[in-house]
Amino acid sequence: MTQETAQSRKSLTIIVSKGTLDWAYPPFILATTAAAMDMDVTLFFTFYGLGLLKKELDLEVSPLGNPAMKMPIAGAHLGMPNLLAALPGVTAGATAMMKNMIEKKGVAKIDELRDIALESGVKLVACQMTMDLFEFKKEDMIEGVSFGGAATYLEEAAKADINLFI
């Protein structure tokens, strides 16, 4: 690729701040799609989103405080009242239902999307401050992750065509 071609490529940055199963999909889907469209992509993982870079994923869905969560049950889409969502075992049940739907519909798993992102040249940046705050070690993270702070993200964001916060 020539320097002129590299400079004319569109770019995308995404701040990834949430780490539940349902919030893990948007940044990885957008990043891999943008990379397939020949865009330069940087994902900056901070706070609870940082857990998406860990080698061992144990993602859950949180139905509590999520009025938009309407699961297809018996031909209808039923919402879950907060009172019910607060009961013990509901998070595990909602997570099992979501994982079952993901598998049944043939949707890629998050670890597969991470691999595709890395193979596609997406830059995965772990927030060093959050690493320190949550006492994560670099060895906890998957291969291919770089580490940086707010300045690292802002350098990429300042030259990006699209900046998102998820």
Protein backbone atom coordinates (compact mmCIF):
# COMPACT_ATOMS: atom_id res chain seq x y z
CA MET A 1 0.00 0.00 0.00
CA THR A 2 1.33 3.40 -0.91
CA GLN A 3 1.53 6.24 1.60
CA GLU A 4 -1.15 8.11 -0.33
CA THR A 5 -3.48 5.08 -0.16
CA ALA A 6 -2.87 4.69 3.58
CA GLN A 7 -3.65 8.36 4.18
CA SER A 8 -6.90 8.17 2.19
CA ARG A 9 -8.24 5.16 4.12
CA LYS A 10 -11.18 5.85 6.39
CA SER A 11 -10.71 5.10 10.08
CA LEU A 12 -12.85 4.17 13.06
CA THR A 13 -12.21 4.26 16.80
CA ILE A 14 -14.48 2.79 19.44
CA ILE A 15 -14.28 3.17 23.21
CA VAL A 16 -15.46 -0.16 24.64
CA SER A 17 -16.65 0.39 28.20
CA LYS A 18 -19.10 -2.45 28.83
CA GLY A 19 -18.32 -6.11 29.28
CA THR A 20 -21.56 -8.06 29.33
CA LEU A 21 -22.33 -10.59 26.60
CA ASP A 22 -24.93 -8.39 24.93
CA TRP A 23 -22.68 -5.29 25.00
CA ALA A 24 -19.68 -7.24 23.67
CA TYR A 25 -21.20 -7.76 20.22
CA PRO A 26 -21.58 -4.17 18.89
CA PRO A 27 -17.91 -3.13 19.06
CA PHE A 28 -16.60 -6.39 17.59
CA ILE A 29 -19.23 -6.54 14.82
CA LEU A 30 -18.62 -2.90 13.88
CA ALA A 31 -14.83 -3.31 14.05
CA THR A 32 -14.66 -6.45 11.92
CA THR A 33 -17.12 -4.99 9.40
CA ALA A 34 -15.10 -1.77 9.16
CA ALA A 35 -11.88 -3.76 8.72
CA ALA A 36 -13.54 -5.78 5.94
CA MET A 37 -14.40 -2.44 4.32
CA ASP A 38 -10.67 -1.60 4.39
CA MET A 39 -10.87 0.87 7.26
CA ASP A 40 -8.25 1.34 9.96
CA VAL A 41 -9.86 0.36 13.26
CA THR A 42 -8.85 0.90 16.88
CA LEU A 43 -10.82 -0.45 19.84
CA PHE A 44 -9.94 1.11 23.21
CA PHE A 45 -11.06 -1.12 26.09
CA THR A 46 -11.64 0.64 29.40
CA PHE A 47 -13.42 -0.08 32.69
CA TYR A 48 -15.77 -3.08 32.38
CA GLY A 49 -15.05 -3.43 28.66
CA LEU A 50 -11.48 -4.40 29.53
CA GLY A 51 -12.69 -7.85 30.59
CA LEU A 52 -13.44 -8.62 26.93
CA LEU A 53 -9.68 -8.88 26.33
CA LYS A 54 -9.07 -11.48 29.02
CA LYS A 55 -7.97 -14.95 27.91
CA GLU A 56 -10.74 -16.54 29.93
CA LEU A 57 -14.17 -15.16 29.03
CA ASP A 58 -17.15 -15.79 31.29
CA LEU A 59 -19.66 -13.33 29.86
CA GLU A 60 -23.16 -12.88 31.21
CA VAL A 61 -26.24 -10.94 30.19
CA SER A 62 -27.62 -8.53 32.76
CA PRO A 63 -31.42 -8.31 32.54
CA LEU A 64 -31.57 -5.96 35.57
CA GLY A 65 -32.30 -2.40 34.50
CA ASN A 66 -32.65 -3.41 30.85
CA PRO A 67 -36.28 -2.72 29.85
CA ALA A 68 -35.43 -3.23 26.18
CA MET A 69 -34.49 -6.87 26.81
CA LYS A 70 -37.36 -8.77 25.26
CA MET A 71 -36.58 -12.42 24.66
CA PRO A 72 -38.47 -14.51 22.09
CA ILE A 73 -40.50 -16.98 24.16
CA ALA A 74 -43.34 -19.13 22.80
CA GLY A 75 -43.80 -16.99 19.69
CA ALA A 76 -43.88 -13.67 21.56
CA HIS A 77 -41.26 -11.21 22.78
CA LEU A 78 -41.57 -10.92 26.53
CA GLY A 79 -39.87 -8.31 28.68
CA MET A 80 -38.53 -9.00 32.13
CA PRO A 81 -39.66 -6.78 35.02
CA ASN A 82 -36.84 -5.42 37.19
CA LEU A 83 -38.30 -7.09 40.26
CA LEU A 84 -38.01 -10.48 38.57
CA ALA A 85 -34.57 -9.68 37.14
CA ALA A 86 -33.27 -9.03 40.67
CA LEU A 87 -34.05 -12.57 41.84
CA PRO A 88 -31.18 -15.04 42.31
CA GLY A 89 -30.53 -17.17 39.25
CA VAL A 90 -32.25 -14.88 36.74
CA THR A 91 -28.95 -13.57 35.33
CA ALA A 92 -27.73 -17.14 34.84
CA GLY A 93 -31.01 -18.10 33.18
CA ALA A 94 -31.02 -15.08 30.87
CA THR A 95 -27.39 -15.76 29.98
CA ALA A 96 -28.14 -19.40 29.18
CA MET A 97 -31.09 -18.35 26.99
CA MET A 98 -28.96 -15.79 25.12
CA LYS A 99 -26.09 -18.24 24.59
CA ASN A 100 -28.59 -20.83 23.33
CA MET A 101 -30.06 -18.32 20.85
CA ILE A 102 -26.55 -17.32 19.69
CA GLU A 103 -25.67 -20.95 19.04
CA LYS A 104 -29.03 -21.81 17.45
CA LYS A 105 -28.85 -18.82 15.07
CA GLY A 106 -25.20 -19.50 14.14
CA VAL A 107 -23.91 -16.17 15.48
CA ALA A 108 -20.15 -16.07 16.05
CA LYS A 109 -18.99 -16.21 19.67
CA ILE A 110 -17.08 -13.28 21.14
CA ASP A 111 -13.75 -15.14 21.23
CA GLU A 112 -14.19 -15.92 17.52
CA LEU A 113 -14.94 -12.25 16.75
CA ARG A 114 -11.83 -11.21 18.71
CA ASP A 115 -9.73 -13.56 16.62
CA ILE A 116 -11.26 -12.23 13.39
CA ALA A 117 -10.60 -8.66 14.57
CA LEU A 118 -6.93 -9.41 15.22
CA GLU A 119 -6.55 -11.28 11.92
CA SER A 120 -8.12 -8.27 10.16
CA GLY A 121 -5.62 -5.83 11.64
CA VAL A 122 -7.94 -4.23 14.20
CA LYS A 123 -5.88 -2.61 16.97
CA LEU A 124 -7.02 -3.73 20.41
CA VAL A 125 -5.79 -1.29 23.08
CA ALA A 126 -6.19 -2.06 26.79
CA CYS A 127 -6.45 0.99 29.04
CA GLN A 128 -3.40 0.90 31.30
CA MET A 129 -5.12 2.91 34.04
CA THR A 130 -7.98 0.40 34.14
CA MET A 131 -5.47 -2.47 34.12
CA ASP A 132 -3.89 -0.94 37.22
CA LEU A 133 -7.23 -0.08 38.85
CA PHE A 134 -8.64 -3.60 38.51
CA GLU A 135 -5.24 -5.22 39.15
CA PHE A 136 -5.18 -7.12 35.86
CA LYS A 137 -1.86 -8.40 34.57
CA LYS A 138 -0.70 -8.36 30.96
CA GLU A 139 -0.55 -12.15 31.14
CA ASP A 140 -4.34 -12.17 31.77
CA MET A 141 -4.94 -10.71 28.32
CA ILE A 142 -5.04 -12.36 24.90
CA GLU A 143 -2.08 -12.11 22.54
CA GLY A 144 -2.05 -9.13 20.21
CA VAL A 145 -3.28 -6.52 22.67
CA SER A 146 -1.38 -3.27 23.11
CA PHE A 147 -1.53 -1.10 26.22
CA GLY A 148 -2.00 2.64 26.48
CA GLY A 149 -3.85 5.42 28.18
CA ALA A 150 -6.21 8.21 27.26
CA ALA A 151 -3.53 9.95 25.20
CA THR A 152 -3.09 6.80 23.10
CA TYR A 153 -6.80 6.74 22.34
CA LEU A 154 -7.03 10.47 21.69
CA GLU A 155 -4.16 10.36 19.17
CA GLU A 156 -6.12 7.79 17.15
CA ALA A 157 -9.47 9.54 17.66
CA ALA A 158 -8.12 12.93 16.56
CA LYS A 159 -7.36 11.59 13.08
CA ALA A 160 -10.32 9.17 12.81
CA ASP A 161 -13.30 9.69 10.54
CA ILE A 162 -15.68 7.99 12.97
CA ASN A 163 -15.48 7.84 16.78
CA LEU A 164 -17.96 5.78 18.82
CA PHE A 165 -18.52 5.14 22.53
CA ILE A 166 -20.08 1.80 23.43
